[in-house]
Amino acid sequence: MTPGSNIPLPTTRVTVDVTAPVRLDVSSLLLTADGKVRSDDDFIFYNQPTGPGVTYRSGGGTTPDSITVDTTAVPPGIEKIVVTASPDAAGQSFQGIEPTATIRNATDSSVLATFTPPQLGTETALVIVEIYLRNGAWKARAVGQGYANGLAGIATDFGVSVEEPAPAPTPVAAPAPVAQPTPVQPPVPPAPPAAPPAPPLGAGKINLDKGRVSLQKNQTVSLVKGGRPLLSQVKMGLGWEPAFRGKDIDLDASVIAYGPQRNHIDSCYFGKLSIVNGAIKHSGDNLTGEGGGDDEVIVVDLGRLPQEVTGLVFTVNSFSGQKFTEVAKAYCRLLDAATGEELVRFDLTSAEAQTGVIMAKMIKQFSGEWEMTAIGDFVKSRTVRGMVKPAAQAL
């Protein structure tokens, strides 16, 4: 599986095994429709290994820790069970020790799917996969959302009360001499309650039910409206302007098509304007889109894409070597190809002194619907050829 992809569950009982080169703490949370636990009893981990419909099993350091979900025993109102992990060693990050989640049929142990989150770094805890309810059917989704503040950060984000360590006792001082009474001061009003913790940047997924969507980095939008796929043909417009009134910037927009194993199928760019039997077409340079000033446009006929194409990554490169620090207002936007209506927009709010950027990806779900995720990762590459490998890692 790749981040954001999902599969239907053919069984009512599934087990998620989590492995890594180091020992992990694995846990699970039962969440309601608002993304929160009902109480601390919905946090399942080594000190509280059982809950309604969910069980934790320790591997003892020799076999994987696992979470088993019996969807028939999950209480009404619970719509999602997330599986999380963090390295057992305090403060250790996931850099270089990427975990793998294996989703199995709990009855016969057959493998349903596997998922290894890519590009981990400073994260010390991770939501790896989720088992969720959609239209009366249970599914599993690959997530890979990282946290830098450990399992406590995940637990707090989902509404679990995390106790802080008690302060050390203060030594008792010798009795002080009796002082003269002082005037009584008026009581100090209580401090206002602390604001709830902010969600991770880009966390959560939205759809198009409320109209045009403006994405943040790492945020995902489902191209669904009213529970149904919105359209089959889309345009991805990419644009940019020179920074600081500099000279014109001639950049190249491309789309790279991948298969289910992140295998490179083909790339569409200014030197190859049509790929996969014409289902993806590049407009060429300097096309001005309505109201948006798109520099280049790529048309994707989702309905005509071959079955083996399950992921698309949209990139921009500077063949002449100009860096993106010389670019202002780089953006991508998804439009309805039939009407020209702008559906989704992602504005790049920061830049790095590199010659390539991975703007966004689109992933086909098992159900057939597509999801778009804003990325905004910079790469040292002047051509689309150099983007194939880093873009695959971004899937």
Protein backbone atom coordinates (compact mmCIF):
# COMPACT_ATOMS: atom_id res chain seq x y z
CA MET A 1 0.00 0.00 0.00
CA THR A 2 1.00 3.62 -0.44
CA PRO A 3 0.09 6.52 1.89
CA GLY A 4 -3.62 7.31 1.55
CA SER A 5 -4.56 4.11 -0.27
CA ASN A 6 -7.23 1.80 1.14
CA ILE A 7 -8.61 -1.72 0.79
CA PRO A 8 -11.97 -3.25 1.75
CA LEU A 9 -11.82 -5.82 4.52
CA PRO A 10 -13.07 -9.25 3.40
CA THR A 11 -13.32 -10.46 7.00
CA THR A 12 -14.79 -9.14 10.26
CA ARG A 13 -11.60 -9.81 12.25
CA VAL A 14 -8.24 -8.39 11.23
CA THR A 15 -4.85 -8.27 12.91
CA VAL A 16 -2.26 -5.54 12.28
CA ASP A 17 1.32 -6.68 13.00
CA VAL A 18 3.91 -3.91 13.29
CA THR A 19 7.60 -4.69 12.82
CA ALA A 20 10.80 -2.62 12.73
CA PRO A 21 14.56 -3.16 13.21
CA VAL A 22 14.09 -2.03 16.83
CA ARG A 23 11.54 -2.81 19.52
CA LEU A 24 8.37 -0.76 19.31
CA ASP A 25 5.52 0.33 21.55
CA VAL A 26 2.33 -0.36 19.60
CA SER A 27 -1.08 0.95 20.63
CA SER A 28 -4.54 1.71 19.25
CA LEU A 29 -7.31 4.27 19.74
CA LEU A 30 -11.05 3.94 19.12
CA LEU A 31 -12.36 7.17 17.61
CA THR A 32 -15.82 8.64 17.07
CA ALA A 33 -16.89 10.68 14.05
CA ASP A 34 -15.21 13.80 15.50
CA GLY A 35 -11.85 12.02 15.61
CA LYS A 36 -11.72 11.74 19.42
CA VAL A 37 -11.88 8.94 21.97
CA ARG A 38 -14.99 8.73 24.17
CA SER A 39 -12.80 8.32 27.25
CA ASP A 40 -9.34 7.10 28.23
CA ASP A 41 -10.78 3.54 28.10
CA ASP A 42 -10.61 3.80 24.31
CA PHE A 43 -6.77 3.92 24.40
CA ILE A 44 -5.53 0.32 24.02
CA PHE A 45 -1.87 -0.34 24.86
CA TYR A 46 0.41 -2.57 26.97
CA ASN A 47 -1.04 -1.35 30.30
CA GLN A 48 -4.64 -1.57 29.01
CA PRO A 49 -4.54 -4.38 26.43
CA THR A 50 -8.24 -4.93 25.83
CA GLY A 51 -11.13 -2.74 24.85
CA PRO A 52 -14.47 -3.11 23.07
CA GLY A 53 -13.65 -4.98 19.88
CA VAL A 54 -9.91 -4.21 20.04
CA THR A 55 -7.05 -6.23 21.60
CA TYR A 56 -3.34 -5.54 22.00
CA ARG A 57 -0.82 -8.38 22.03
CA SER A 58 2.84 -7.90 22.94
CA GLY A 59 5.44 -9.79 20.95
CA GLY A 60 7.88 -9.64 23.86
CA GLY A 61 10.61 -8.31 21.60
CA THR A 62 10.85 -11.57 19.62
CA THR A 63 7.68 -11.36 17.51
CA PRO A 64 5.73 -8.31 16.29
CA ASP A 65 3.38 -6.44 18.58
CA SER A 66 -0.11 -6.55 17.12
CA ILE A 67 -3.56 -5.03 17.30
CA THR A 68 -6.60 -7.23 16.53
CA VAL A 69 -9.92 -5.61 15.60
CA ASP A 70 -13.22 -7.49 15.67
CA THR A 71 -15.49 -5.16 13.71
CA THR A 72 -18.61 -6.99 14.92
CA ALA A 73 -17.73 -6.08 18.51
CA VAL A 74 -16.84 -2.42 17.91
CA PRO A 75 -19.41 -0.25 19.75
CA PRO A 76 -21.91 1.91 17.84
CA GLY A 77 -20.52 5.40 17.33
CA ILE A 78 -16.93 4.23 16.84
CA GLU A 79 -16.03 4.90 13.21
CA LYS A 80 -12.26 4.48 13.20
CA ILE A 81 -9.54 2.50 14.97
CA VAL A 82 -6.04 3.89 14.46
CA VAL A 83 -2.92 1.79 15.00
CA THR A 84 0.11 3.69 16.29
CA ALA A 85 3.74 2.92 17.11
CA SER A 86 6.82 4.53 18.62
CA PRO A 87 10.35 3.24 19.28
CA ASP A 88 10.68 1.71 22.74
CA ALA A 89 13.92 3.64 23.39
CA ALA A 90 13.14 7.08 24.80
CA GLY A 91 13.60 9.90 22.30
CA GLN A 92 14.56 7.65 19.38
CA SER A 93 13.19 8.72 16.01
CA PHE A 94 12.07 6.56 13.10
CA GLN A 95 14.88 7.77 10.84
CA GLY A 96 16.45 4.71 9.24
CA ILE A 97 14.16 2.27 11.10
CA GLU A 98 10.93 2.56 9.09
CA PRO A 99 8.27 0.19 10.48
CA THR A 100 6.09 -2.12 8.39
CA ALA A 101 2.43 -2.83 9.13
CA THR A 102 1.06 -6.16 7.90
CA ILE A 103 -2.73 -6.41 7.82
CA ARG A 104 -3.87 -10.03 8.17
CA ASN A 105 -7.10 -12.01 8.25
CA ALA A 106 -7.21 -12.81 11.99
CA THR A 107 -8.89 -16.16 11.30
CA ASP A 108 -6.34 -17.77 8.98
CA SER A 109 -3.39 -15.27 9.22
CA SER A 110 -3.44 -14.68 5.45
CA VAL A 111 -1.91 -11.35 4.42
CA LEU A 112 -4.34 -8.74 3.12
CA ALA A 113 -1.87 -5.85 2.67
CA THR A 114 1.45 -4.40 3.85
CA PHE A 115 2.53 -0.79 4.30
CA THR A 116 5.89 0.84 5.05
CA PRO A 117 5.65 4.65 5.51
CA PRO A 118 8.31 6.39 3.37
CA GLN A 119 10.58 9.34 4.14
CA LEU A 120 10.54 9.25 7.94
CA GLY A 121 12.93 11.49 9.86
CA THR A 122 12.49 13.17 13.23
CA GLU A 123 9.16 11.47 13.97
CA THR A 124 9.13 9.66 17.33
CA ALA A 125 5.60 8.30 16.93
CA LEU A 126 3.46 7.35 14.00
CA VAL A 127 -0.15 6.63 13.06
CA ILE A 128 0.57 3.75 10.70
CA VAL A 129 -2.81 2.44 9.54
CA GLU A 130 -6.46 2.88 10.38
CA ILE A 131 -9.44 0.56 10.25
CA TYR A 132 -12.47 2.69 9.42
CA LEU A 133 -16.18 2.50 8.61
CA ARG A 134 -17.40 3.95 5.30
CA ASN A 135 -21.00 3.56 4.06
CA GLY A 136 -21.60 0.60 6.33
CA ALA A 137 -18.44 -1.29 5.24
CA TRP A 138 -15.12 -1.60 7.08
CA LYS A 139 -11.90 -0.74 5.27
CA ALA A 140 -8.20 -0.35 6.03
CA ARG A 141 -6.17 2.72 5.03
CA ALA A 142 -2.41 3.34 4.95
CA VAL A 143 -1.72 6.59 6.83
CA GLY A 144 1.92 7.21 7.85
CA GLN A 145 1.23 10.43 9.83
CA GLY A 146 4.24 11.23 12.03
CA TYR A 147 4.52 13.08 15.35
CA ALA A 148 7.66 14.59 16.88
CA ASN A 149 6.41 14.40 20.49
CA GLY A 150 5.94 10.65 20.89
CA LEU A 151 2.87 8.61 21.73
CA ALA A 152 1.84 11.29 24.22
CA GLY A 153 1.40 13.66 21.27
CA ILE A 154 -0.82 11.19 19.45
CA ALA A 155 -2.85 10.39 22.54
CA THR A 156 -3.39 14.07 23.36
CA ASP A 157 -4.32 14.87 19.76
CA PHE A 158 -7.09 12.24 19.89
CA GLY A 159 -8.44 13.36 23.27
CA VAL A 160 -6.68 11.04 25.76
CA SER A 161 -5.68 12.57 29.11
CA VAL A 162 -1.90 12.28 29.51
CA GLU A 163 -0.60 12.68 33.04
CA GLU A 164 2.49 14.82 33.49
CA PRO A 165 5.23 13.53 35.83
CA ALA A 166 4.65 14.72 39.40
CA PRO A 167 7.12 17.41 40.55
CA ALA A 168 9.71 16.42 43.13
CA PRO A 169 8.68 17.20 46.72
CA THR A 170 9.98 20.46 48.10
CA PRO A 171 12.08 20.15 51.29
CA VAL A 172 10.30 21.43 54.41
CA ALA A 173 11.86 24.65 55.60
CA ALA A 174 12.41 25.57 59.23
CA PRO A 175 9.53 27.48 60.82
CA ALA A 176 9.73 31.15 60.03
CA PRO A 177 9.26 33.84 62.65
CA VAL A 178 5.70 34.97 63.09
CA ALA A 179 5.05 37.91 60.81
CA GLN A 180 2.65 40.76 61.29
CA PRO A 181 -0.64 40.30 59.46
CA THR A 182 -0.79 41.89 56.03
CA PRO A 183 -3.81 43.33 54.28
CA VAL A 184 -5.95 40.77 52.48
CA GLN A 185 -5.47 40.95 48.72
CA PRO A 186 -8.44 40.47 46.40
CA PRO A 187 -8.61 36.99 44.89
CA VAL A 188 -6.85 36.48 41.56
CA PRO A 189 -9.26 35.33 38.85
CA PRO A 190 -8.52 31.84 37.51
CA ALA A 191 -6.51 31.58 34.29
CA PRO A 192 -8.52 30.82 31.18
CA PRO A 193 -8.48 27.17 30.09
CA ALA A 194 -5.61 26.18 27.81
CA ALA A 195 -6.38 25.97 24.13
CA PRO A 196 -6.61 22.45 22.73
CA PRO A 197 -3.45 21.19 21.02
CA ALA A 198 -3.16 22.14 17.36
CA PRO A 199 -3.48 19.26 14.92
CA PRO A 200 -0.42 18.33 12.84
CA LEU A 201 0.04 20.40 9.70
CA GLY A 202 -2.16 19.03 6.97
CA ALA A 203 -3.75 16.36 9.17
CA GLY A 204 -7.11 14.99 8.14
CA LYS A 205 -8.89 14.46 4.84
CA ILE A 206 -11.67 16.48 3.27
CA ASN A 207 -13.92 16.20 0.22
CA LEU A 208 -15.49 18.60 -2.25
CA ASP A 209 -18.97 18.72 -0.67
CA LYS A 210 -18.49 22.38 0.34
CA GLY A 211 -16.97 23.47 -2.96
CA ARG A 212 -13.46 24.64 -3.81
CA VAL A 213 -10.73 23.43 -1.44
CA SER A 214 -7.49 25.23 -0.58
CA LEU A 215 -4.97 22.63 0.61
CA GLN A 216 -2.16 22.92 3.12
CA LYS A 217 1.04 20.93 2.75
CA ASN A 218 0.42 17.20 3.42
CA GLN A 219 -3.37 17.65 3.42
CA THR A 220 -5.51 15.32 1.31
CA VAL A 221 -8.78 15.92 -0.52
CA SER A 222 -11.02 13.16 -1.86
CA LEU A 223 -12.33 13.94 -5.33
CA VAL A 224 -15.80 12.97 -4.17
CA LYS A 225 -18.92 15.09 -3.81
CA GLY A 226 -22.10 13.84 -2.20
CA GLY A 227 -20.54 10.42 -1.75
CA ARG A 228 -19.91 9.92 -5.48
CA PRO A 229 -16.81 10.50 -7.66
CA LEU A 230 -17.10 14.01 -9.03
CA LEU A 231 -15.70 13.70 -12.52
CA SER A 232 -13.48 11.61 -14.75
CA GLN A 233 -11.47 14.26 -16.60
CA VAL A 234 -9.40 16.89 -14.81
CA LYS A 235 -6.80 19.53 -15.59
CA MET A 236 -3.81 20.23 -13.38
CA GLY A 237 -2.66 23.80 -13.87
CA LEU A 238 0.79 24.78 -12.58
CA GLY A 239 2.01 28.35 -12.41
CA TRP A 240 4.72 30.59 -11.03
CA GLU A 241 5.98 34.15 -11.08
CA PRO A 242 9.50 35.58 -10.69
CA ALA A 243 10.38 36.83 -7.22
CA PHE A 244 11.50 40.39 -6.52
CA ARG A 245 10.63 41.56 -10.04
CA GLY A 246 13.37 39.35 -11.42
CA LYS A 247 13.70 38.02 -14.94
CA ASP A 248 11.18 35.57 -16.35
CA ILE A 249 11.35 32.04 -14.99
CA ASP A 250 11.03 29.25 -17.54
CA LEU A 251 10.07 26.15 -15.58
CA ASP A 252 8.82 22.79 -16.79
CA ALA A 253 5.76 21.02 -15.36
CA SER A 254 5.46 17.25 -15.62
CA VAL A 255 3.39 14.33 -14.36
CA ILE A 256 4.89 10.93 -13.55
CA ALA A 257 2.67 7.83 -13.67
CA TYR A 258 3.27 4.91 -11.29
CA GLY A 259 1.92 1.43 -10.70
CA PRO A 260 0.78 -0.13 -7.41
CA GLN A 261 4.34 -1.05 -6.36
CA ARG A 262 5.58 2.52 -6.99
CA ASN A 263 6.97 1.26 -10.30
CA HIS A 264 7.58 3.97 -12.90
CA ILE A 265 5.26 3.58 -15.92
CA ASP A 266 5.89 6.79 -17.91
CA SER A 267 6.45 10.55 -17.65
CA CYS A 268 4.56 13.31 -19.45
CA TYR A 269 6.50 16.56 -20.00
CA PHE A 270 7.32 19.16 -22.67
CA GLY A 271 9.36 16.54 -24.60
CA LYS A 272 6.61 13.90 -24.47
CA LEU A 273 3.23 15.57 -24.58
CA SER A 274 1.06 12.43 -24.50
CA ILE A 275 1.42 9.17 -22.56
CA VAL A 276 -0.63 6.05 -21.66
CA ASN A 277 -2.55 6.05 -24.95
CA GLY A 278 -3.50 9.70 -24.70
CA ALA A 279 -5.11 9.49 -21.26
CA ILE A 280 -2.55 12.08 -20.03
CA LYS A 281 -1.69 15.07 -22.22
CA HIS A 282 0.61 18.04 -21.70
CA SER A 283 -0.45 21.41 -23.12
CA GLY A 284 3.07 22.63 -23.81
CA ASP A 285 4.60 25.86 -22.53
CA ASN A 286 2.96 29.15 -21.61
CA LEU A 287 -0.73 28.34 -21.69
CA THR A 288 -2.73 30.98 -19.81
CA GLY A 289 -5.63 29.51 -17.83
CA GLU A 290 -8.76 31.41 -16.96
CA GLY A 291 -8.15 33.79 -14.06
CA GLY A 292 -5.17 31.84 -12.82
CA GLY A 293 -2.29 32.54 -15.17
CA ASP A 294 -1.35 28.87 -15.47
CA ASP A 295 2.01 28.50 -17.18
CA GLU A 296 1.48 24.84 -18.08
CA VAL A 297 -1.53 22.56 -17.95
CA ILE A 298 -1.72 18.76 -17.88
CA VAL A 299 -5.02 17.07 -18.78
CA VAL A 300 -5.74 13.72 -17.16
CA ASP A 301 -8.63 11.52 -18.30
CA LEU A 302 -9.03 9.44 -15.14
CA GLY A 303 -11.63 7.22 -16.78
CA ARG A 304 -9.22 6.21 -19.59
CA LEU A 305 -6.17 5.51 -17.46
CA PRO A 306 -4.97 1.90 -17.68
CA GLN A 307 -5.67 -0.24 -14.61
CA GLU A 308 -1.97 -0.40 -13.75
CA VAL A 309 -1.77 3.37 -13.24
CA THR A 310 -2.62 3.93 -9.57
CA GLY A 311 -0.52 7.00 -8.73
CA LEU A 312 0.29 10.32 -10.41
CA VAL A 313 2.90 12.78 -9.13
CA PHE A 314 3.01 16.36 -10.46
CA THR A 315 6.41 18.05 -10.50
CA VAL A 316 8.06 21.30 -11.64
CA ASN A 317 11.71 21.65 -12.68
CA SER A 318 14.07 24.44 -13.66
CA PHE A 319 16.05 23.13 -16.62
CA SER A 320 18.05 26.38 -16.83
CA GLY A 321 19.20 25.96 -13.23
CA GLN A 322 17.34 28.85 -11.59
CA LYS A 323 16.45 28.05 -7.98
CA PHE A 324 12.97 28.15 -6.49
CA THR A 325 14.12 30.96 -4.18
CA GLU A 326 13.85 33.05 -7.37
CA VAL A 327 10.20 32.03 -7.78
CA ALA A 328 7.17 33.61 -6.16
CA LYS A 329 3.64 32.26 -5.85
CA ALA A 330 4.28 28.80 -7.27
CA TYR A 331 1.01 26.87 -7.15
CA CYS A 332 -0.93 24.00 -8.62
CA ARG A 333 -4.69 23.82 -9.07
CA LEU A 334 -7.05 21.07 -10.13
CA LEU A 335 -9.88 22.00 -12.48
CA ASP A 336 -12.93 20.32 -13.95
CA ALA A 337 -11.81 19.80 -17.56
CA ALA A 338 -15.36 20.22 -18.86
CA THR A 339 -16.28 23.48 -17.13
CA GLY A 340 -12.93 25.01 -16.13
CA GLU A 341 -14.16 25.24 -12.53
CA GLU A 342 -11.31 25.31 -10.01
CA LEU A 343 -11.79 22.48 -7.51
CA VAL A 344 -8.57 22.31 -5.50
CA ARG A 345 -5.66 24.72 -5.05
CA PHE A 346 -2.30 24.40 -3.34
CA ASP A 347 -0.09 27.48 -2.96
CA LEU A 348 3.57 26.87 -2.19
CA THR A 349 4.23 29.16 0.78
CA SER A 350 7.97 28.53 1.16
CA ALA A 351 10.89 27.89 -1.16
CA GLU A 352 14.31 26.27 -1.07
CA ALA A 353 17.40 26.82 -3.22
CA GLN A 354 16.71 23.74 -5.34
CA THR A 355 15.84 23.18 -8.99
CA GLY A 356 12.89 20.80 -8.59
CA VAL A 357 9.74 20.54 -6.51
CA ILE A 358 7.20 17.75 -6.05
CA MET A 359 3.95 19.71 -5.98
CA ALA A 360 1.19 17.13 -5.47
CA LYS A 361 0.16 13.52 -5.92
CA MET A 362 -3.06 11.77 -6.88
CA ILE A 363 -3.68 8.20 -5.69
CA LYS A 364 -6.39 5.84 -6.88
CA GLN A 365 -8.25 4.11 -4.08
CA PHE A 366 -9.46 0.52 -4.19
CA SER A 367 -13.01 1.85 -4.55
CA GLY A 368 -12.01 3.66 -7.76
CA GLU A 369 -12.10 7.17 -6.34
CA TRP A 370 -9.04 9.42 -6.52
CA GLU A 371 -7.45 11.48 -3.75
CA MET A 372 -5.13 14.46 -4.15
CA THR A 373 -2.46 15.33 -1.57
CA ALA A 374 -0.40 18.53 -1.46
CA ILE A 375 3.32 17.78 -1.06
CA GLY A 376 5.64 20.77 -1.69
CA ASP A 377 8.95 18.88 -1.28
CA PHE A 378 12.05 20.30 -2.97
CA VAL A 379 14.54 18.16 -4.90
CA LYS A 380 17.90 18.78 -6.56
CA SER A 381 16.99 17.95 -10.15
CA ARG A 382 16.70 20.00 -13.33
CA THR A 383 14.75 17.38 -15.30
CA VAL A 384 11.79 15.08 -14.77
CA ARG A 385 14.14 12.10 -15.16
CA GLY A 386 15.77 13.03 -11.85
CA MET A 387 12.35 13.30 -10.19
CA VAL A 388 11.23 9.71 -10.80
CA LYS A 389 12.88 8.19 -7.73
CA PRO A 390 12.08 10.92 -5.14
CA ALA A 391 8.52 11.18 -6.46
CA ALA A 392 8.07 7.41 -6.00
CA GLN A 393 9.23 7.80 -2.40
CA ALA A 394 6.61 10.52 -1.93
CA LEU A 395 3.77 8.17 -2.91
